[in-house]
Amino acid sequence: MARPLEFDRTLAVQKALMLFWSRGYQATSLSDLTNDLQISRSSFYAAFGDKRGLFLECLDQFAARSIAILAEARARQAPLEALRAFFDHGFAMSVEDRSAWGCLLVNTVLEMADVDEDICDYARRRLSEVEDAFHLCLKDTGCGPEKAAELSSFLMLVNEGLRVSNRRALPEAIQRQQIDTTFRLLVTALA
């Protein structure tokens, strides 16, 4: 009979996500994880299988949270305003906080390209899900499917660039100006 888990799995995944997000996959060791999660190796393996399995779960959670940010904004605002709220959300955190870490999904693609294509592809698929959420929002503005696809691809490119800019520690004013420019162009394209 298997022993029951003696820790809060949800909290452990959240802690692991934060560790992977701040350090990256390769720089986070199994010892780092077991120490931070305060669990034994045997409990770790029983709960998550291995580091890779836990990391993929963290990527899923990060993508789901990103999509939820847009969905929550969409429930309260018009589609274009909701998209803007999604982009502004990254600045709701202080500079000392996680915003300087960029995006776990983008970071993973950059880190794992030519290192582990399976993990890289997994992160790419999660990014595509975020882009699909942009697409649905743009369709709700009344633009046709082809235009929505083109503009959601453009927004994803901007999103990825902004998240890399977070890692570069560009001043917030410059990043906000980039978002303002993006949405001026978007409004023009939708007109």
N, C-alpha and C. Protein backbone atom coordinates (compact mmCIF):
# COMPACT_ATOMS: atom_id res chain seq x y z
N MET A 1 0.85 -1.18 0.00
CA MET A 1 0.00 0.00 0.00
C MET A 1 0.89 1.24 0.00
N ALA A 2 0.62 2.17 -0.94
CA ALA A 2 1.41 3.38 -1.04
C ALA A 2 1.10 4.31 0.13
N ARG A 3 2.16 4.95 0.61
CA ARG A 3 1.97 5.92 1.69
C ARG A 3 1.35 7.19 1.12
N PRO A 4 0.47 7.84 1.87
CA PRO A 4 -0.11 9.10 1.40
C PRO A 4 0.97 10.19 1.39
N LEU A 5 0.79 11.17 0.50
CA LEU A 5 1.72 12.29 0.45
C LEU A 5 1.63 13.07 1.76
N GLU A 6 2.79 13.48 2.23
CA GLU A 6 2.84 14.20 3.51
C GLU A 6 3.14 15.67 3.32
N PHE A 7 2.74 16.20 2.18
CA PHE A 7 2.95 17.62 1.91
C PHE A 7 1.83 18.11 1.00
N ASP A 8 1.69 19.40 0.92
CA ASP A 8 0.68 20.02 0.08
C ASP A 8 1.21 20.07 -1.36
N ARG A 9 0.69 19.22 -2.21
CA ARG A 9 1.20 19.11 -3.58
C ARG A 9 1.03 20.42 -4.34
N THR A 10 -0.11 21.07 -4.19
CA THR A 10 -0.37 22.33 -4.89
C THR A 10 0.66 23.38 -4.51
N LEU A 11 0.94 23.49 -3.22
CA LEU A 11 1.94 24.43 -2.75
C LEU A 11 3.33 24.05 -3.25
N ALA A 12 3.62 22.77 -3.29
CA ALA A 12 4.93 22.31 -3.78
C ALA A 12 5.11 22.67 -5.24
N VAL A 13 4.08 22.49 -6.05
CA VAL A 13 4.18 22.84 -7.47
C VAL A 13 4.38 24.35 -7.62
N GLN A 14 3.67 25.12 -6.81
CA GLN A 14 3.83 26.58 -6.86
C GLN A 14 5.27 26.98 -6.51
N LYS A 15 5.83 26.38 -5.47
CA LYS A 15 7.21 26.69 -5.08
C LYS A 15 8.18 26.28 -6.19
N ALA A 16 7.94 25.12 -6.78
CA ALA A 16 8.81 24.66 -7.88
C ALA A 16 8.72 25.60 -9.07
N LEU A 17 7.50 26.05 -9.39
CA LEU A 17 7.32 26.98 -10.49
C LEU A 17 8.16 28.24 -10.26
N MET A 18 8.11 28.76 -9.05
CA MET A 18 8.87 29.97 -8.73
C MET A 18 10.37 29.73 -8.86
N LEU A 19 10.82 28.57 -8.44
CA LEU A 19 12.23 28.24 -8.53
C LEU A 19 12.66 28.10 -9.99
N PHE A 20 11.92 27.36 -10.78
CA PHE A 20 12.24 27.22 -12.20
C PHE A 20 12.17 28.56 -12.92
N TRP A 21 11.18 29.36 -12.57
CA TRP A 21 10.99 30.65 -13.22
C TRP A 21 12.17 31.58 -12.92
N SER A 22 12.65 31.58 -11.71
CA SER A 22 13.74 32.49 -11.35
C SER A 22 15.11 31.99 -11.83
N ARG A 23 15.29 30.66 -11.89
CA ARG A 23 16.61 30.11 -12.22
C ARG A 23 16.71 29.46 -13.59
N GLY A 24 15.60 28.95 -14.09
CA GLY A 24 15.62 28.17 -15.32
C GLY A 24 15.67 26.69 -15.00
N TYR A 25 15.41 25.89 -16.01
CA TYR A 25 15.34 24.44 -15.83
C TYR A 25 16.71 23.85 -15.50
N GLN A 26 17.69 24.19 -16.31
CA GLN A 26 19.00 23.56 -16.15
C GLN A 26 19.71 23.96 -14.86
N ALA A 27 19.51 25.17 -14.41
CA ALA A 27 20.20 25.65 -13.21
C ALA A 27 19.50 25.24 -11.92
N THR A 28 18.34 24.62 -12.03
CA THR A 28 17.61 24.15 -10.86
C THR A 28 17.89 22.66 -10.68
N SER A 29 18.56 22.33 -9.62
CA SER A 29 18.91 20.93 -9.37
C SER A 29 17.82 20.23 -8.59
N LEU A 30 17.90 18.92 -8.57
CA LEU A 30 16.97 18.14 -7.77
C LEU A 30 17.11 18.50 -6.28
N SER A 31 18.35 18.73 -5.85
CA SER A 31 18.58 19.15 -4.45
C SER A 31 17.93 20.49 -4.17
N ASP A 32 18.02 21.42 -5.12
CA ASP A 32 17.35 22.72 -4.96
C ASP A 32 15.84 22.51 -4.75
N LEU A 33 15.28 21.63 -5.57
CA LEU A 33 13.84 21.39 -5.50
C LEU A 33 13.45 20.74 -4.18
N THR A 34 14.14 19.69 -3.80
CA THR A 34 13.76 19.01 -2.56
C THR A 34 13.97 19.91 -1.34
N ASN A 35 15.01 20.73 -1.37
CA ASN A 35 15.24 21.67 -0.27
C ASN A 35 14.15 22.73 -0.22
N ASP A 36 13.85 23.33 -1.36
CA ASP A 36 12.86 24.40 -1.41
C ASP A 36 11.46 23.89 -1.11
N LEU A 37 11.15 22.69 -1.61
CA LEU A 37 9.83 22.11 -1.38
C LEU A 37 9.74 21.44 -0.02
N GLN A 38 10.89 21.27 0.62
CA GLN A 38 10.99 20.63 1.94
C GLN A 38 10.38 19.24 1.93
N ILE A 39 10.82 18.44 0.94
CA ILE A 39 10.38 17.05 0.85
C ILE A 39 11.59 16.16 0.58
N SER A 40 11.44 14.91 0.88
CA SER A 40 12.52 13.95 0.63
C SER A 40 12.55 13.60 -0.85
N ARG A 41 13.66 13.02 -1.28
CA ARG A 41 13.76 12.58 -2.68
C ARG A 41 12.71 11.52 -3.00
N SER A 42 12.49 10.61 -2.07
CA SER A 42 11.50 9.55 -2.33
C SER A 42 10.10 10.15 -2.48
N SER A 43 9.75 11.14 -1.67
CA SER A 43 8.46 11.82 -1.80
C SER A 43 8.39 12.59 -3.12
N PHE A 44 9.51 13.20 -3.48
CA PHE A 44 9.57 13.92 -4.75
C PHE A 44 9.26 12.99 -5.91
N TYR A 45 9.98 11.87 -5.96
CA TYR A 45 9.79 10.91 -7.06
C TYR A 45 8.38 10.32 -7.05
N ALA A 46 7.85 10.05 -5.87
CA ALA A 46 6.50 9.50 -5.77
C ALA A 46 5.45 10.49 -6.27
N ALA A 47 5.66 11.76 -5.99
CA ALA A 47 4.67 12.78 -6.37
C ALA A 47 4.81 13.24 -7.81
N PHE A 48 6.05 13.39 -8.29
CA PHE A 48 6.26 14.05 -9.57
C PHE A 48 6.95 13.18 -10.63
N GLY A 49 7.43 12.03 -10.25
CA GLY A 49 8.15 11.19 -11.19
C GLY A 49 9.60 11.58 -11.31
N ASP A 50 9.84 12.77 -11.80
CA ASP A 50 11.20 13.29 -11.93
C ASP A 50 11.14 14.80 -12.13
N LYS A 51 12.30 15.41 -12.22
CA LYS A 51 12.40 16.87 -12.39
C LYS A 51 11.68 17.31 -13.65
N ARG A 52 11.87 16.57 -14.72
CA ARG A 52 11.25 16.91 -16.01
C ARG A 52 9.72 16.92 -15.88
N GLY A 53 9.16 15.89 -15.25
CA GLY A 53 7.71 15.83 -15.09
C GLY A 53 7.16 17.01 -14.30
N LEU A 54 7.86 17.37 -13.24
CA LEU A 54 7.45 18.52 -12.45
C LEU A 54 7.56 19.80 -13.27
N PHE A 55 8.62 19.93 -14.04
CA PHE A 55 8.81 21.13 -14.86
C PHE A 55 7.68 21.27 -15.89
N LEU A 56 7.32 20.18 -16.54
CA LEU A 56 6.23 20.24 -17.52
C LEU A 56 4.92 20.64 -16.85
N GLU A 57 4.70 20.15 -15.64
CA GLU A 57 3.51 20.55 -14.88
C GLU A 57 3.55 22.05 -14.57
N CYS A 58 4.73 22.56 -14.26
CA CYS A 58 4.88 23.99 -13.99
C CYS A 58 4.61 24.81 -15.25
N LEU A 59 5.06 24.33 -16.40
CA LEU A 59 4.78 25.03 -17.66
C LEU A 59 3.27 25.07 -17.92
N ASP A 60 2.60 23.95 -17.67
CA ASP A 60 1.14 23.91 -17.84
C ASP A 60 0.46 24.93 -16.93
N GLN A 61 0.89 24.98 -15.68
CA GLN A 61 0.29 25.90 -14.72
C GLN A 61 0.55 27.35 -15.12
N PHE A 62 1.76 27.64 -15.57
CA PHE A 62 2.09 29.00 -15.98
C PHE A 62 1.23 29.42 -17.17
N ALA A 63 1.09 28.54 -18.16
CA ALA A 63 0.25 28.85 -19.33
C ALA A 63 -1.20 29.07 -18.91
N ALA A 64 -1.70 28.21 -18.04
CA ALA A 64 -3.09 28.34 -17.58
C ALA A 64 -3.30 29.67 -16.87
N ARG A 65 -2.34 30.07 -16.07
CA ARG A 65 -2.45 31.36 -15.37
C ARG A 65 -2.44 32.52 -16.36
N SER A 66 -1.60 32.43 -17.35
CA SER A 66 -1.53 33.50 -18.36
C SER A 66 -2.86 33.63 -19.08
N ILE A 67 -3.43 32.52 -19.47
CA ILE A 67 -4.72 32.53 -20.16
C ILE A 67 -5.81 33.03 -19.22
N ALA A 68 -5.73 32.67 -17.96
CA ALA A 68 -6.73 33.11 -16.97
C ALA A 68 -6.69 34.63 -16.78
N ILE A 69 -5.49 35.22 -16.86
CA ILE A 69 -5.38 36.69 -16.73
C ILE A 69 -6.21 37.35 -17.83
N LEU A 70 -6.08 36.85 -19.05
CA LEU A 70 -6.84 37.41 -20.16
C LEU A 70 -8.33 37.11 -20.01
N ALA A 71 -8.67 35.90 -19.60
CA ALA A 71 -10.08 35.52 -19.43
C ALA A 71 -10.76 36.39 -18.36
N GLU A 72 -10.05 36.63 -17.27
CA GLU A 72 -10.63 37.47 -16.20
C GLU A 72 -10.83 38.90 -16.69
N ALA A 73 -9.87 39.41 -17.44
CA ALA A 73 -10.02 40.76 -17.98
C ALA A 73 -11.17 40.80 -18.99
N ARG A 74 -11.27 39.74 -19.79
CA ARG A 74 -12.31 39.66 -20.81
C ARG A 74 -13.71 39.60 -20.19
N ALA A 75 -13.81 39.03 -19.02
CA ALA A 75 -15.11 38.96 -18.34
C ALA A 75 -15.58 40.33 -17.89
N ARG A 76 -14.66 41.27 -17.73
CA ARG A 76 -15.00 42.60 -17.23
C ARG A 76 -14.93 43.69 -18.29
N GLN A 77 -14.22 43.42 -19.39
CA GLN A 77 -13.92 44.49 -20.34
C GLN A 77 -14.18 44.06 -21.78
N ALA A 78 -14.23 45.06 -22.65
CA ALA A 78 -14.33 44.80 -24.08
C ALA A 78 -13.04 44.09 -24.53
N PRO A 79 -13.08 43.37 -25.67
CA PRO A 79 -11.94 42.56 -26.09
C PRO A 79 -10.60 43.32 -26.18
N LEU A 80 -10.60 44.46 -26.80
CA LEU A 80 -9.35 45.21 -26.95
C LEU A 80 -8.83 45.70 -25.60
N GLU A 81 -9.74 46.15 -24.74
CA GLU A 81 -9.33 46.58 -23.39
C GLU A 81 -8.79 45.40 -22.58
N ALA A 82 -9.38 44.23 -22.78
CA ALA A 82 -8.91 43.03 -22.07
C ALA A 82 -7.50 42.66 -22.52
N LEU A 83 -7.25 42.75 -23.82
CA LEU A 83 -5.90 42.48 -24.33
C LEU A 83 -4.90 43.46 -23.73
N ARG A 84 -5.30 44.72 -23.68
CA ARG A 84 -4.42 45.73 -23.09
C ARG A 84 -4.16 45.42 -21.61
N ALA A 85 -5.19 45.00 -20.90
CA ALA A 85 -5.04 44.65 -19.48
C ALA A 85 -4.06 43.48 -19.33
N PHE A 86 -4.10 42.52 -20.24
CA PHE A 86 -3.16 41.41 -20.20
C PHE A 86 -1.73 41.93 -20.29
N PHE A 87 -1.48 42.82 -21.23
CA PHE A 87 -0.13 43.34 -21.41
C PHE A 87 0.29 44.22 -20.24
N ASP A 88 -0.65 44.96 -19.67
CA ASP A 88 -0.33 45.81 -18.53
C ASP A 88 -0.11 45.00 -17.24
N HIS A 89 -0.66 43.79 -17.20
CA HIS A 89 -0.58 42.97 -15.99
C HIS A 89 0.85 42.76 -15.52
N GLY A 90 1.78 42.61 -16.43
CA GLY A 90 3.18 42.38 -16.06
C GLY A 90 3.77 43.50 -15.23
N PHE A 91 3.18 44.68 -15.33
CA PHE A 91 3.70 45.82 -14.58
C PHE A 91 3.01 46.00 -13.24
N ALA A 92 2.03 45.14 -12.96
CA ALA A 92 1.36 45.22 -11.67
C ALA A 92 2.29 44.76 -10.56
N MET A 93 3.29 43.96 -10.93
CA MET A 93 4.28 43.50 -9.95
C MET A 93 5.42 44.52 -9.90
N SER A 94 5.99 44.69 -8.76
CA SER A 94 7.08 45.65 -8.63
C SER A 94 8.33 45.12 -9.32
N VAL A 95 9.26 46.00 -9.61
CA VAL A 95 10.50 45.64 -10.29
C VAL A 95 11.27 44.59 -9.49
N GLU A 96 11.21 44.65 -8.15
CA GLU A 96 11.93 43.68 -7.34
C GLU A 96 11.24 42.32 -7.37
N ASP A 97 10.07 42.28 -7.93
CA ASP A 97 9.28 41.07 -7.92
C ASP A 97 9.52 40.27 -9.19
N ARG A 98 8.61 39.36 -9.47
CA ARG A 98 8.75 38.40 -10.56
C ARG A 98 8.74 39.01 -11.95
N SER A 99 8.30 40.23 -12.13
CA SER A 99 8.24 40.78 -13.48
C SER A 99 9.61 40.80 -14.14
N ALA A 100 10.66 40.93 -13.35
CA ALA A 100 12.02 40.93 -13.90
C ALA A 100 12.45 39.54 -14.38
N TRP A 101 11.67 38.53 -14.07
CA TRP A 101 12.00 37.17 -14.50
C TRP A 101 11.53 36.87 -15.90
N GLY A 102 10.75 37.77 -16.50
CA GLY A 102 10.22 37.52 -17.83
C GLY A 102 9.07 36.53 -17.78
N CYS A 103 8.99 35.68 -18.78
CA CYS A 103 7.93 34.68 -18.91
C CYS A 103 8.57 33.30 -18.87
N LEU A 104 8.08 32.43 -18.02
CA LEU A 104 8.65 31.09 -17.90
C LEU A 104 8.61 30.36 -19.24
N LEU A 105 7.55 30.53 -20.00
CA LEU A 105 7.44 29.84 -21.28
C LEU A 105 8.46 30.35 -22.29
N VAL A 106 8.57 31.66 -22.41
CA VAL A 106 9.55 32.26 -23.32
C VAL A 106 10.96 31.91 -22.86
N ASN A 107 11.21 32.02 -21.56
CA ASN A 107 12.53 31.69 -21.03
C ASN A 107 12.90 30.24 -21.38
N THR A 108 11.92 29.35 -21.27
CA THR A 108 12.18 27.93 -21.54
C THR A 108 12.53 27.71 -23.01
N VAL A 109 11.82 28.36 -23.91
CA VAL A 109 12.14 28.22 -25.33
C VAL A 109 13.56 28.70 -25.58
N LEU A 110 13.91 29.83 -25.00
CA LEU A 110 15.26 30.37 -25.20
C LEU A 110 16.33 29.46 -24.58
N GLU A 111 16.05 28.97 -23.38
CA GLU A 111 17.03 28.14 -22.67
C GLU A 111 17.20 26.77 -23.30
N MET A 112 16.11 26.17 -23.74
CA MET A 112 16.16 24.76 -24.13
C MET A 112 16.29 24.54 -25.64
N ALA A 113 16.23 25.60 -26.44
CA ALA A 113 16.44 25.45 -27.88
C ALA A 113 17.83 24.84 -28.10
N ASP A 114 17.89 23.81 -28.91
CA ASP A 114 19.13 23.08 -29.22
C ASP A 114 19.70 22.32 -28.02
N VAL A 115 18.97 22.27 -26.91
CA VAL A 115 19.40 21.51 -25.74
C VAL A 115 18.45 20.33 -25.53
N ASP A 116 17.15 20.62 -25.48
CA ASP A 116 16.14 19.59 -25.29
C ASP A 116 14.91 20.02 -26.10
N GLU A 117 14.83 19.52 -27.31
CA GLU A 117 13.75 19.92 -28.22
C GLU A 117 12.37 19.53 -27.70
N ASP A 118 12.27 18.44 -26.95
CA ASP A 118 10.96 18.04 -26.42
C ASP A 118 10.43 19.07 -25.44
N ILE A 119 11.26 19.51 -24.52
CA ILE A 119 10.83 20.54 -23.56
C ILE A 119 10.57 21.85 -24.30
N CYS A 120 11.43 22.18 -25.24
CA CYS A 120 11.26 23.41 -26.02
C CYS A 120 9.92 23.38 -26.76
N ASP A 121 9.61 22.26 -27.42
CA ASP A 121 8.34 22.13 -28.13
C ASP A 121 7.15 22.20 -27.18
N TYR A 122 7.31 21.63 -26.00
CA TYR A 122 6.24 21.68 -25.00
C TYR A 122 5.93 23.14 -24.64
N ALA A 123 6.98 23.93 -24.39
CA ALA A 123 6.79 25.34 -24.07
C ALA A 123 6.20 26.10 -25.25
N ARG A 124 6.62 25.76 -26.46
CA ARG A 124 6.06 26.39 -27.66
C ARG A 124 4.56 26.13 -27.77
N ARG A 125 4.16 24.89 -27.48
CA ARG A 125 2.72 24.57 -27.52
C ARG A 125 1.93 25.38 -26.50
N ARG A 126 2.49 25.56 -25.30
CA ARG A 126 1.80 26.36 -24.30
C ARG A 126 1.71 27.82 -24.76
N LEU A 127 2.79 28.34 -25.40
CA LEU A 127 2.74 29.70 -25.94
C LEU A 127 1.67 29.81 -27.03
N SER A 128 1.52 28.77 -27.82
CA SER A 128 0.47 28.76 -28.85
C SER A 128 -0.91 28.85 -28.23
N GLU A 129 -1.10 28.24 -27.06
CA GLU A 129 -2.38 28.33 -26.37
C GLU A 129 -2.67 29.78 -25.94
N VAL A 130 -1.64 30.47 -25.51
CA VAL A 130 -1.81 31.89 -25.16
C VAL A 130 -2.16 32.68 -26.42
N GLU A 131 -1.46 32.40 -27.50
CA GLU A 131 -1.76 33.08 -28.76
C GLU A 131 -3.19 32.78 -29.22
N ASP A 132 -3.64 31.55 -29.01
CA ASP A 132 -5.04 31.21 -29.35
C ASP A 132 -6.02 32.06 -28.54
N ALA A 133 -5.68 32.33 -27.29
CA ALA A 133 -6.54 33.18 -26.45
C ALA A 133 -6.56 34.61 -27.01
N PHE A 134 -5.41 35.10 -27.50
CA PHE A 134 -5.38 36.41 -28.17
C PHE A 134 -6.30 36.37 -29.39
N HIS A 135 -6.21 35.30 -30.16
CA HIS A 135 -6.99 35.14 -31.39
C HIS A 135 -8.50 35.22 -31.11
N LEU A 136 -8.93 34.50 -30.08
CA LEU A 136 -10.36 34.53 -29.73
C LEU A 136 -10.81 35.92 -29.32
N CYS A 137 -9.97 36.59 -28.59
CA CYS A 137 -10.29 37.95 -28.15
C CYS A 137 -10.40 38.88 -29.36
N LEU A 138 -9.47 38.75 -30.30
CA LEU A 138 -9.50 39.59 -31.49
C LEU A 138 -10.71 39.28 -32.36
N LYS A 139 -11.10 38.01 -32.44
CA LYS A 139 -12.31 37.68 -33.20
C LYS A 139 -13.52 38.34 -32.57
N ASP A 140 -13.50 38.48 -31.24
CA ASP A 140 -14.61 39.13 -30.55
C ASP A 140 -14.69 40.63 -30.84
N THR A 141 -13.62 41.20 -31.40
CA THR A 141 -13.69 42.61 -31.80
C THR A 141 -14.46 42.77 -33.10
N GLY A 142 -14.72 41.65 -33.78
CA GLY A 142 -15.45 41.70 -35.03
C GLY A 142 -14.58 41.52 -36.26
N CYS A 143 -13.29 41.38 -36.09
CA CYS A 143 -12.45 41.18 -37.27
C CYS A 143 -12.54 39.72 -37.71
N GLY A 144 -12.28 39.50 -38.98
CA GLY A 144 -12.38 38.16 -39.55
C GLY A 144 -11.30 37.23 -39.03
N PRO A 145 -11.48 35.93 -39.23
CA PRO A 145 -10.54 34.93 -38.71
C PRO A 145 -9.10 35.11 -39.21
N GLU A 146 -8.95 35.44 -40.50
CA GLU A 146 -7.58 35.60 -41.03
C GLU A 146 -6.88 36.80 -40.41
N LYS A 147 -7.60 37.89 -40.31
CA LYS A 147 -7.02 39.10 -39.70
C LYS A 147 -6.75 38.85 -38.22
N ALA A 148 -7.67 38.17 -37.55
CA ALA A 148 -7.46 37.86 -36.13
C ALA A 148 -6.22 36.99 -35.95
N ALA A 149 -6.02 36.04 -36.86
CA ALA A 149 -4.83 35.18 -36.79
C ALA A 149 -3.55 36.00 -37.00
N GLU A 150 -3.59 36.89 -37.97
CA GLU A 150 -2.42 37.74 -38.24
C GLU A 150 -2.10 38.64 -37.05
N LEU A 151 -3.12 39.25 -36.49
CA LEU A 151 -2.91 40.17 -35.38
C LEU A 151 -2.55 39.44 -34.08
N SER A 152 -3.11 38.25 -33.86
CA SER A 152 -2.73 37.50 -32.66
C SER A 152 -1.28 37.05 -32.74
N SER A 153 -0.83 36.72 -33.95
CA SER A 153 0.58 36.37 -34.14
C SER A 153 1.48 37.57 -33.85
N PHE A 154 1.04 38.73 -34.30
CA PHE A 154 1.77 39.97 -34.03
C PHE A 154 1.82 40.25 -32.52
N LEU A 155 0.67 40.09 -31.84
CA LEU A 155 0.64 40.33 -30.40
C LEU A 155 1.53 39.34 -29.65
N MET A 156 1.60 38.10 -30.12
CA MET A 156 2.47 37.13 -29.45
C MET A 156 3.93 37.54 -29.63
N LEU A 157 4.28 38.02 -30.79
CA LEU A 157 5.65 38.49 -31.02
C LEU A 157 5.98 39.64 -30.06
N VAL A 158 5.04 40.57 -29.91
CA VAL A 158 5.24 41.68 -28.98
C VAL A 158 5.34 41.15 -27.55
N ASN A 159 4.45 40.24 -27.19
CA ASN A 159 4.46 39.66 -25.85
C ASN A 159 5.82 39.02 -25.54
N GLU A 160 6.30 38.21 -26.47
CA GLU A 160 7.59 37.55 -26.26
C GLU A 160 8.71 38.57 -26.13
N GLY A 161 8.68 39.60 -26.98
CA GLY A 161 9.71 40.64 -26.90
C GLY A 161 9.68 41.40 -25.59
N LEU A 162 8.48 41.70 -25.12
CA LEU A 162 8.35 42.40 -23.84
C LEU A 162 8.88 41.56 -22.69
N ARG A 163 8.63 40.25 -22.73
CA ARG A 163 9.10 39.38 -21.66
C ARG A 163 10.62 39.27 -21.66
N VAL A 164 11.23 39.30 -22.84
CA VAL A 164 12.69 39.34 -22.91
C VAL A 164 13.18 40.69 -22.40
N SER A 165 12.46 41.76 -22.73
CA SER A 165 12.82 43.09 -22.22
C SER A 165 12.77 43.13 -20.70
N ASN A 166 11.82 42.38 -20.11
CA ASN A 166 11.78 42.29 -18.64
C ASN A 166 13.10 41.76 -18.13
N ARG A 167 13.62 40.72 -18.78
CA ARG A 167 14.89 40.12 -18.36
C ARG A 167 16.06 41.07 -18.56
N ARG A 168 15.94 41.95 -19.54
CA ARG A 168 16.99 42.94 -19.79
C ARG A 168 16.89 44.10 -18.83
N ALA A 169 15.84 44.15 -18.05
CA ALA A 169 15.61 45.22 -17.08
C ALA A 169 15.50 46.59 -17.75
N LEU A 170 14.81 46.62 -18.90
CA LEU A 170 14.54 47.91 -19.52
C LEU A 170 13.63 48.72 -18.60
N PRO A 171 13.78 50.01 -18.60
CA PRO A 171 12.92 50.84 -17.75
C PRO A 171 11.44 50.62 -18.08
N GLU A 172 10.63 50.64 -17.05
CA GLU A 172 9.19 50.45 -17.23
C GLU A 172 8.60 51.44 -18.22
N ALA A 173 9.07 52.69 -18.18
CA ALA A 173 8.54 53.72 -19.09
C ALA A 173 8.74 53.32 -20.55
N ILE A 174 9.86 52.73 -20.86
CA ILE A 174 10.11 52.30 -22.25
C ILE A 174 9.19 51.14 -22.61
N GLN A 175 9.03 50.21 -21.71
CA GLN A 175 8.14 49.09 -21.99
C GLN A 175 6.69 49.54 -22.14
N ARG A 176 6.26 50.46 -21.30
CA ARG A 176 4.89 50.97 -21.42
C ARG A 176 4.71 51.70 -22.75
N GLN A 177 5.74 52.42 -23.17
CA GLN A 177 5.68 53.11 -24.47
C GLN A 177 5.55 52.09 -25.60
N GLN A 178 6.25 50.97 -25.49
CA GLN A 178 6.15 49.92 -26.50
C GLN A 178 4.74 49.34 -26.54
N ILE A 179 4.13 49.17 -25.38
CA ILE A 179 2.75 48.67 -25.33
C ILE A 179 1.80 49.70 -25.93
N ASP A 180 1.99 50.98 -25.60
CA ASP A 180 1.15 52.04 -26.18
C ASP A 180 1.24 52.02 -27.70
N THR A 181 2.45 51.91 -28.22
CA THR A 181 2.65 51.87 -29.68
C THR A 181 1.97 50.65 -30.27
N THR A 182 2.13 49.52 -29.63
CA THR A 182 1.50 48.28 -30.11
C THR A 182 0.00 48.44 -30.21
N PHE A 183 -0.62 49.03 -29.21
CA PHE A 183 -2.07 49.14 -29.23
C PHE A 183 -2.56 50.25 -30.16
N ARG A 184 -1.75 51.27 -30.39
CA ARG A 184 -2.10 52.24 -31.43
C ARG A 184 -2.11 51.57 -32.79
N LEU A 185 -1.10 50.75 -33.06
CA LEU A 185 -1.04 50.02 -34.33
C LEU A 185 -2.20 49.02 -34.44
N LEU A 186 -2.53 48.37 -33.34
CA LEU A 186 -3.61 47.40 -33.33
C LEU A 186 -4.95 48.07 -33.63
N VAL A 187 -5.20 49.20 -33.00
CA VAL A 187 -6.45 49.94 -33.25
C VAL A 187 -6.54 50.34 -34.72
N THR A 188 -5.42 50.81 -35.27
CA THR A 188 -5.39 51.19 -36.69
C THR A 188 -5.67 49.98 -37.57
N ALA A 189 -5.07 48.83 -37.25
CA ALA A 189 -5.27 47.62 -38.06
C ALA A 189 -6.70 47.12 -37.97
N LEU A 190 -7.35 47.36 -36.84
CA LEU A 190 -8.74 46.90 -36.68
C LEU A 190 -9.75 47.85 -37.30
N ALA A 191 -9.33 49.07 -37.61
CA ALA A 191 -10.25 50.08 -38.15
C ALA A 191 -10.65 49.76 -39.58
